[in-house]
Protein backbone atom coordinates (compact mmCIF):
# COMPACT_ATOMS: atom_id res chain seq x y z
CA MET A 1 0.00 0.00 0.00
CA SER A 2 1.30 3.44 -0.87
CA ASP A 3 0.47 7.01 0.20
CA ALA A 4 0.34 10.00 -2.12
CA ILE A 5 2.69 12.79 -1.01
CA GLN A 6 2.95 16.25 -2.53
CA ILE A 7 6.30 17.55 -3.79
CA LEU A 8 6.27 21.29 -3.09
CA THR A 9 8.42 24.30 -3.93
CA PRO A 10 10.35 25.43 -0.80
CA LEU A 11 8.51 28.17 1.08
CA GLU A 12 11.72 30.14 1.60
CA GLN A 13 13.77 31.12 -1.41
CA GLU A 14 16.23 33.87 -2.31
CA GLY A 15 15.12 35.84 -5.35
CA SER A 16 11.94 37.31 -6.75
CA LYS A 17 10.75 34.03 -8.25
CA SER A 18 11.89 30.57 -9.29
CA VAL A 19 11.27 28.38 -12.32
CA VAL A 20 11.63 24.67 -12.92
CA ARG A 21 15.05 24.15 -14.45
CA ALA A 22 14.98 20.37 -14.93
CA TRP A 23 13.40 17.23 -13.56
CA LEU A 24 16.06 14.79 -12.44
CA LYS A 25 13.58 11.89 -12.44
CA LYS A 26 10.75 10.90 -14.75
CA VAL A 27 7.31 9.58 -13.90
CA GLY A 28 7.59 5.95 -12.80
CA ASP A 29 11.15 6.26 -11.49
CA ALA A 30 11.96 4.99 -8.02
CA VAL A 31 13.37 7.60 -5.64
CA THR A 32 14.78 7.53 -2.13
CA ARG A 33 14.20 9.99 0.67
CA ASP A 34 16.32 13.19 0.33
CA GLU A 35 17.44 12.21 -3.18
CA PRO A 36 17.40 15.27 -5.51
CA ILE A 37 14.31 14.96 -7.68
CA VAL A 38 13.84 18.34 -9.40
CA GLU A 39 16.04 21.40 -9.89
CA LEU A 40 14.73 24.97 -9.55
CA GLU A 41 16.47 28.19 -10.56
CA THR A 42 16.10 31.72 -9.20
CA ASP A 43 18.00 34.89 -10.05
CA LYS A 44 20.36 34.00 -7.19
CA VAL A 45 20.99 30.28 -7.11
CA ALA A 46 20.03 26.86 -8.47
CA VAL A 47 18.26 24.67 -5.89
CA GLU A 48 17.73 20.92 -5.84
CA VAL A 49 14.44 19.84 -4.26
CA PRO A 50 14.81 16.48 -2.48
CA SER A 51 12.29 13.66 -2.43
CA PRO A 52 10.20 13.79 0.77
CA ALA A 53 10.14 9.98 1.07
CA ASP A 54 11.03 6.65 -0.53
CA GLY A 55 8.70 5.74 -3.35
CA VAL A 56 7.88 6.31 -7.01
CA LEU A 57 7.39 9.61 -8.86
CA ALA A 58 3.69 9.45 -9.75
CA SER A 59 3.12 12.72 -11.65
CA ILE A 60 4.69 16.02 -12.66
CA SER A 61 2.61 19.19 -12.32
CA LEU A 62 5.16 21.87 -13.33
CA THR A 63 7.51 21.21 -16.23
CA GLU A 64 10.73 22.86 -17.38
CA GLY A 65 10.36 26.62 -17.67
CA ASP A 66 7.20 26.85 -15.55
CA GLU A 67 7.22 29.41 -12.76
CA ALA A 68 7.21 27.82 -9.31
CA ALA A 69 5.89 30.05 -6.55
CA PRO A 70 6.76 29.22 -2.92
CA GLY A 71 4.63 26.28 -1.82
CA ALA A 72 3.53 25.44 -5.39
CA LEU A 73 2.80 21.82 -6.26
CA LEU A 74 5.64 20.41 -8.35
CA GLY A 75 4.42 16.83 -8.55
CA MET A 76 3.18 13.81 -6.62
CA LEU A 77 5.04 10.91 -5.05
CA ASN A 78 3.65 7.48 -4.21
CA ALA A 79 5.42 6.83 -0.94
CA GLY A 80 6.36 3.21 -0.36
CA ALA A 81 5.59 2.16 -3.92
CA VAL A 82 8.04 0.10 -5.96
CA ALA A 83 8.90 0.97 -9.55
CA GLN A 84 7.75 -1.53 -12.15
CA ALA A 85 10.53 -3.19 -14.10
CA ALA A 86 10.80 -1.92 -17.65
CA PRO A 87 10.33 -4.45 -20.48
CA ARG A 88 13.59 -6.07 -21.48
CA THR A 89 14.85 -5.27 -24.94
CA ALA A 90 17.66 -6.65 -26.99
CA ASN A 91 20.98 -5.14 -26.10
CA PRO A 92 22.40 -2.83 -28.77
CA PRO A 93 25.77 -3.66 -30.33
CA MET A 94 28.70 -2.71 -28.15
CA ASN A 95 29.98 -0.09 -30.58
CA ALA A 96 26.60 1.28 -31.66
CA PRO A 97 26.66 5.10 -31.87
CA ARG A 98 24.64 6.92 -29.23
CA GLN A 99 21.77 8.82 -30.83
CA ARG A 100 20.17 12.04 -29.68
CA VAL A 101 16.42 11.88 -30.23
CA THR A 102 14.80 15.02 -31.60
CA SER A 103 11.13 14.03 -31.65
CA ALA A 104 8.75 11.12 -32.04
CA VAL A 105 6.32 10.60 -34.93
CA VAL A 106 2.92 9.18 -34.04
CA ASN A 107 0.35 8.60 -36.83
CA GLY A 108 2.22 10.99 -39.08
CA GLN A 109 2.18 13.79 -36.51
CA ARG A 110 5.26 15.07 -34.67
CA GLU A 111 5.08 14.75 -30.87
CA ALA A 112 7.32 17.55 -29.58
CA ARG A 113 7.07 17.02 -25.80
CA LEU A 114 8.27 20.58 -25.31
CA SER A 115 8.14 22.60 -22.10
CA PRO A 116 6.53 26.07 -22.19
CA LEU A 117 9.96 27.72 -22.04
CA VAL A 118 11.30 25.67 -24.95
CA ARG A 119 8.15 26.30 -26.99
CA ARG A 120 8.51 30.05 -26.47
CA LEU A 121 12.20 30.06 -27.43
CA ILE A 122 11.48 28.06 -30.59
CA SER A 123 8.56 30.32 -31.52
CA ASP A 124 10.39 33.60 -30.81
CA ASN A 125 13.34 32.56 -32.94
CA GLY A 126 11.40 31.01 -35.82
CA LEU A 127 12.87 27.53 -35.33
CA ASP A 128 11.67 24.00 -36.09
CA ALA A 129 11.92 21.54 -33.21
CA VAL A 130 12.71 18.71 -35.65
CA GLN A 131 16.03 20.38 -36.47
CA ILE A 132 17.10 20.61 -32.81
CA ALA A 133 18.88 17.68 -31.20
CA GLY A 134 17.64 17.00 -27.68
CA THR A 135 20.13 16.08 -24.97
CA GLY A 136 17.68 15.95 -22.07
CA ARG A 137 16.22 12.87 -20.45
CA ASP A 138 14.88 10.48 -23.10
CA GLY A 139 16.02 12.86 -25.85
CA ARG A 140 13.90 15.74 -24.62
CA ILE A 141 14.80 19.17 -25.97
CA THR A 142 15.96 21.51 -23.21
CA HIS A 143 16.33 25.27 -23.31
CA GLU A 144 20.11 24.79 -23.42
CA ASP A 145 19.66 22.75 -26.61
CA VAL A 146 17.65 25.58 -28.19
CA GLU A 147 20.20 28.19 -27.17
CA ALA A 148 23.05 26.05 -28.54
CA HIS A 149 21.17 25.63 -31.83
CA ILE A 150 20.68 29.40 -32.06
CA ARG A 151 24.39 29.99 -31.47
CA GLU A 152 25.30 27.47 -34.17
CA ARG A 153 22.81 29.00 -36.58
CA ASN A 154 24.17 32.49 -36.05
CA ALA A 155 27.84 31.52 -35.97
CA GLY A 156 28.13 32.14 -39.70
CA ALA A 157 26.01 35.27 -39.76
CA SER A 158 27.65 37.84 -41.99
CA VAL A 159 28.42 41.39 -40.97
CA ALA A 160 27.83 44.47 -43.06
CA ARG A 161 30.04 44.78 -46.11
CA ARG A 162 32.12 47.86 -46.89
CA ILE A 163 30.17 50.64 -48.64
CA ASP A 164 31.06 51.09 -52.29
CA PRO A 165 31.82 54.87 -52.59
CA GLU A 166 31.16 54.99 -56.36
CA GLU A 167 27.78 53.28 -55.95
CA PHE A 168 26.84 55.68 -53.17
CA LEU A 169 27.83 58.81 -55.18
CA ARG A 170 26.04 57.58 -58.30
CA THR A 171 22.74 56.51 -56.72
CA GLY A 172 22.73 58.06 -53.25
CA ARG A 173 22.19 54.56 -51.90
CA SER A 174 24.40 51.83 -50.66
CA THR A 175 24.17 48.25 -51.79
CA THR A 176 25.44 47.24 -48.38
CA PRO A 177 22.93 44.92 -46.71
CA GLN A 178 21.61 45.75 -43.27
CA LEU A 179 23.55 44.50 -40.31
CA GLN A 180 22.43 41.06 -39.28
CA SER A 181 21.68 40.57 -35.63
CA ARG A 182 21.03 37.56 -33.46
CA ARG A 183 18.68 36.98 -30.56
CA ILE A 184 20.07 35.49 -27.37
CA PRO A 185 17.23 34.28 -25.15
CA HIS A 186 17.28 35.57 -21.58
CA ASP A 187 17.83 32.95 -18.94
CA THR A 188 16.00 33.04 -15.62
CA MET A 189 18.86 34.67 -13.73
CA ARG A 190 19.32 37.51 -16.24
CA LYS A 191 15.60 38.31 -16.38
CA SER A 192 15.30 38.33 -12.60
CA ILE A 193 18.37 40.55 -12.21
CA ALA A 194 16.90 42.99 -14.72
CA GLU A 195 13.57 43.12 -12.88
CA HIS A 196 15.27 43.59 -9.51
CA MET A 197 17.58 46.36 -10.73
CA ALA A 198 14.76 48.30 -12.41
CA LYS A 199 12.56 47.96 -9.33
CA SER A 200 15.33 49.08 -6.97
CA LEU A 201 16.17 52.17 -9.00
CA ALA A 202 12.49 53.10 -9.24
CA THR A 203 11.93 52.52 -5.50
CA ALA A 204 14.95 54.20 -3.85
CA PRO A 205 16.32 57.67 -4.65
CA HIS A 206 19.99 56.84 -5.19
CA VAL A 207 22.77 59.23 -4.18
CA THR A 208 26.50 58.38 -4.37
CA ALA A 209 29.44 59.81 -2.41
CA VAL A 210 33.03 59.06 -3.48
CA PHE A 211 36.16 59.03 -1.30
CA GLU A 212 39.74 58.00 -2.03
CA ALA A 213 41.54 55.34 0.04
CA ASP A 214 45.25 54.65 0.45
CA PHE A 215 45.85 50.88 0.55
CA SER A 216 49.49 51.09 1.67
CA ALA A 217 48.86 49.85 5.20
CA ILE A 218 46.81 46.79 4.27
CA ALA A 219 49.09 46.00 1.32
CA ALA A 220 52.07 45.84 3.69
CA HIS A 221 50.09 43.78 6.21
CA ARG A 222 48.94 41.36 3.52
CA VAL A 223 52.49 40.78 2.21
CA LYS A 224 53.64 40.00 5.73
CA TYR A 225 50.88 37.56 6.69
CA LYS A 226 49.27 36.09 3.52
CA ASP A 227 51.38 32.90 3.57
CA ALA A 228 50.52 32.16 7.19
CA TYR A 229 46.82 32.80 6.53
CA ALA A 230 46.89 30.55 3.47
CA LYS A 231 48.36 27.69 5.51
CA ALA A 232 45.51 28.18 7.98
CA GLY A 233 42.92 27.86 5.18
CA ALA A 234 42.12 31.57 5.04
CA PRO A 235 43.22 33.11 1.71
CA LEU A 236 44.04 36.72 2.57
CA THR A 237 42.54 38.89 -0.16
CA TYR A 238 41.95 42.63 -0.17
CA SER A 239 38.23 41.81 0.04
CA ALA A 240 38.73 40.44 3.56
CA TYR A 241 40.12 43.80 4.73
CA ILE A 242 37.30 45.65 2.97
CA VAL A 243 34.62 43.55 4.70
CA ARG A 244 36.27 44.05 8.09
CA ALA A 245 36.55 47.82 7.56
CA ALA A 246 32.91 48.02 6.47
CA ALA A 247 31.77 46.20 9.60
CA GLU A 248 33.94 48.46 11.75
CA ALA A 249 32.37 51.58 10.22
CA MET A 250 28.77 50.62 11.01
CA PRO A 251 28.64 52.02 14.60
CA VAL A 252 29.51 55.49 13.25
CA SER A 253 26.41 55.52 11.03
CA PRO A 254 24.06 52.65 11.98
CA ASN A 255 21.43 53.57 9.40
CA VAL A 256 23.75 52.31 6.68
CA ASN A 257 22.82 48.88 8.03
CA ALA A 258 19.07 49.50 8.00
CA ARG A 259 15.91 48.80 6.02
CA TRP A 260 13.20 51.25 5.02
CA HIS A 261 9.57 50.46 5.81
CA ASP A 262 6.66 52.77 5.05
CA ASP A 263 5.98 53.36 8.74
CA ALA A 264 9.42 52.88 10.34
CA LEU A 265 13.14 52.40 9.88
CA GLU A 266 14.45 48.96 10.86
CA VAL A 267 18.07 49.20 12.05
CA HIS A 268 19.75 45.79 12.11
CA GLY A 269 21.93 44.64 14.97
CA ASP A 270 23.72 41.99 12.90
CA VAL A 271 26.00 43.12 10.09
CA ASN A 272 25.50 40.52 7.35
CA ILE A 273 27.59 41.60 4.38
CA GLY A 274 27.06 40.31 0.86
CA MET A 275 30.03 40.29 -1.53
CA GLY A 276 29.27 40.15 -5.24
CA VAL A 277 30.91 37.28 -7.16
CA ALA A 278 30.98 37.56 -10.96
CA LEU A 279 29.75 34.54 -12.93
CA GLY A 280 30.86 35.65 -16.38
CA ASP A 281 28.02 36.11 -18.87
CA LYS A 282 25.55 34.64 -16.37
CA GLY A 283 25.70 37.79 -14.23
CA LEU A 284 26.69 37.71 -10.57
CA ILE A 285 25.66 36.21 -7.30
CA VAL A 286 25.95 37.69 -3.82
CA PRO A 287 26.80 35.21 -1.05
CA VAL A 288 26.45 36.61 2.47
CA ILE A 289 29.01 36.62 5.30
CA ARG A 290 27.02 36.69 8.54
CA ASN A 291 27.76 38.59 11.74
CA THR A 292 30.87 40.24 10.33
CA GLU A 293 30.94 42.59 13.32
CA LYS A 294 32.04 39.59 15.41
CA LEU A 295 34.62 38.12 13.02
CA THR A 296 38.38 38.53 13.04
CA LEU A 297 40.30 39.16 9.83
CA LYS A 298 41.28 35.49 9.70
CA GLN A 299 37.68 34.32 10.13
CA THR A 300 36.50 36.81 7.52
CA ALA A 301 39.14 35.63 5.03
CA ALA A 302 38.20 31.98 5.57
CA ALA A 303 34.48 32.67 5.14
CA LEU A 304 35.06 34.71 1.98
CA GLY A 305 37.29 32.06 0.46
CA ASP A 306 34.69 29.38 1.13
CA VAL A 307 31.63 31.15 -0.34
CA THR A 308 33.56 32.55 -3.32
CA GLU A 309 34.79 29.10 -4.33
CA ARG A 310 31.36 27.54 -3.93
CA ALA A 311 29.71 30.39 -5.83
CA ARG A 312 31.98 29.91 -8.84
CA ASN A 313 31.42 26.13 -8.75
CA GLY A 314 27.64 26.43 -8.47
CA LYS A 315 27.62 24.86 -5.00
CA LEU A 316 25.91 27.59 -2.99
CA LYS A 317 22.82 26.73 -0.97
CA PRO A 318 19.80 29.08 -0.77
CA ALA A 319 20.73 30.07 2.79
CA ASP A 320 24.13 31.31 1.56
CA THR A 321 22.49 34.21 -0.29
CA GLN A 322 19.81 35.13 2.25
CA GLY A 323 19.67 37.62 5.09
CA GLY A 324 22.11 40.25 3.80
CA THR A 325 21.90 43.71 5.38
CA PHE A 326 24.65 45.46 3.36
CA THR A 327 26.43 44.71 0.08
CA ILE A 328 29.89 45.32 -1.37
CA SER A 329 30.62 45.52 -5.10
CA ASN A 330 34.34 45.12 -5.78
CA HIS A 331 33.93 46.31 -9.36
CA GLY A 332 37.56 47.39 -9.58
CA VAL A 333 38.69 43.81 -10.15
CA SER A 334 37.39 44.16 -13.72
CA GLY A 335 39.12 47.51 -14.26
CA SER A 336 36.66 50.30 -13.48
CA LEU A 337 37.75 53.24 -11.35
CA ILE A 338 34.31 54.49 -10.32
CA ALA A 339 30.80 53.10 -10.79
CA ALA A 340 27.91 55.35 -9.77
CA PRO A 341 25.32 54.76 -8.71
CA ILE A 342 25.70 51.08 -7.92
CA ILE A 343 22.15 49.78 -7.62
CA ILE A 344 21.12 49.00 -4.04
CA ASN A 345 20.00 45.47 -3.23
CA GLN A 346 16.44 45.93 -1.94
CA GLY A 347 15.56 46.06 0.95
CA GLN A 348 18.95 47.34 2.02
CA SER A 349 19.82 50.99 2.32
CA ALA A 350 23.35 51.25 0.94
CA ILE A 351 25.96 49.52 -1.18
CA LEU A 352 29.73 50.02 -1.15
CA GLY A 353 31.71 50.18 -4.38
CA VAL A 354 35.48 49.64 -4.52
CA GLY A 355 37.29 50.74 -7.67
CA LYS A 356 40.49 49.57 -9.30
CA LEU A 357 43.57 49.61 -7.08
CA GLU A 358 46.39 51.43 -8.87
CA LYS A 359 49.51 53.41 -8.07
CA ARG A 360 48.95 57.18 -8.11
CA VAL A 361 50.98 60.26 -7.36
CA VAL A 362 49.64 61.92 -4.21
CA VAL A 363 50.77 64.63 -1.80
CA ARG A 364 51.53 63.62 1.78
CA GLU A 365 52.92 65.51 4.72
CA ILE A 366 56.23 63.92 5.68
CA GLY A 367 58.46 65.41 8.37
CA GLY A 368 56.39 68.57 8.53
CA SER A 369 56.63 69.24 4.81
CA ASP A 370 54.55 68.32 1.78
CA ALA A 371 56.01 65.57 -0.36
CA ILE A 372 54.97 63.97 -3.64
CA VAL A 373 54.83 60.18 -3.23
CA VAL A 374 53.47 57.16 -5.09
CA ARG A 375 50.84 55.14 -3.23
CA PRO A 376 48.38 52.29 -4.07
CA MET A 377 45.07 54.13 -4.24
CA ALA A 378 41.43 53.28 -5.00
CA TYR A 379 38.19 55.22 -5.17
CA VAL A 380 35.53 53.96 -2.77
CA SER A 381 31.90 54.96 -3.12
CA LEU A 382 28.77 54.58 -1.04
CA SER A 383 25.47 54.61 -2.92
CA ILE A 384 22.62 55.27 -0.49
CA ASP A 385 18.85 55.30 -0.33
CA HIS A 386 18.26 59.00 0.32
CA ARG A 387 15.04 58.19 2.16
CA VAL A 388 17.16 56.54 4.86
CA LEU A 389 20.47 58.40 4.82
CA ASP A 390 21.63 61.97 4.35
CA GLY A 391 24.98 63.30 3.18
CA HIS A 392 26.57 63.79 6.59
CA GLN A 393 25.76 60.21 7.65
CA THR A 394 27.12 58.87 4.37
CA ASN A 395 30.35 60.86 4.63
CA ALA A 396 30.81 59.90 8.29
CA TRP A 397 30.60 56.23 7.35
CA LEU A 398 33.07 56.60 4.47
CA THR A 399 35.45 58.60 6.66
CA ARG A 400 35.61 55.81 9.23
CA PHE A 401 35.85 53.12 6.54
CA VAL A 402 38.84 54.82 4.91
CA GLU A 403 40.43 55.48 8.30
CA VAL A 404 40.34 51.76 9.17
CA LEU A 405 41.99 50.82 5.87
CA GLU A 406 44.68 53.47 6.14
CA THR A 407 45.60 52.82 9.79
CA TRP A 408 45.66 49.01 9.75
CA PRO A 409 46.30 46.84 11.77
CA LEU A 410 42.90 47.01 13.37
CA GLU A 411 43.60 43.82 15.32
CA ASP A 412 46.28 41.26 16.01
CA ALA A 413 47.64 39.58 12.90
CA LEU A 414 46.69 35.96 13.69
């Protein structure tokens, strides 16, 4: 005897919405408790939903590309049931080539078995499903297959030819064809990022203040201690110092670590700092380091190293991106000096930007006299929600942040 159990979308998720990315099992498959059964994707992270019990997958309610709201029914499981053995078929030759099925033909009609997302991509790009090789389960066409087909189709697209001057002077027209373009379908993460950024900019009046920071002190400290930190499993990056300095600056201007509500301002006691990690063309993800106000530099470095590695390997869990109260964008690693405004992660009230670290000529007072010296410098900016913060609070925070960086060590080395 078996019991029917619902497979539901997790009630808590990071991101504005999630969609079904792929089913890892098909109807009739046996599953074990806590075995990943379906994969969801939000703008922040991919999540595997585990089976709630041992049994057999009885039905699928939401297919690939369908939006999955918190608590939505994904499918049904027959708990305690045993999968029926599939009919035995003759074994194929050992060296038989592996085929990728594109579609099935039943009574002269093509059976596409396409998810809503795949159907939309095929329709928007004027494609024929028969021409697309499916690499999904049982030869099913996935959205990655469609996107790969589009890339292959457009790989040989020609660009505009050079204008013939004589033809243009004679006729006033050019025989040059129009530029050919290609459509790259948005994935779930890119669409969600776009929605979140537009909403944030429309919600919060952004204002940005820019200071300049001298990294000489932390550069010297890092050279002295990075090997010892590395041996202790805590890669000592500049980001670790930046997170520590940001946490140290919060008491000077607590509203930087706050959230706006229509009837009140919620000032957080915990300083949970998110650090953006670039994922190439996929966008970025922001894992959160919790309670940074209580961490040493070594603990901060270890935590950063851990979440950064897991973010780039796609191993973050939903909890790793939740609960942030403040965010840092280290945009200088890709070469920019200043980015303003950096869009605030709602519902936070501020975001720190750190520009490219480079040697600059500056004036410093040495021995009672002005001297021209070369120092490692970077522009640091704080973009704020002007409903929450004013200029003097913003500048007070940046002043303390820069002071911590320039007068390091803040604490004992190890």
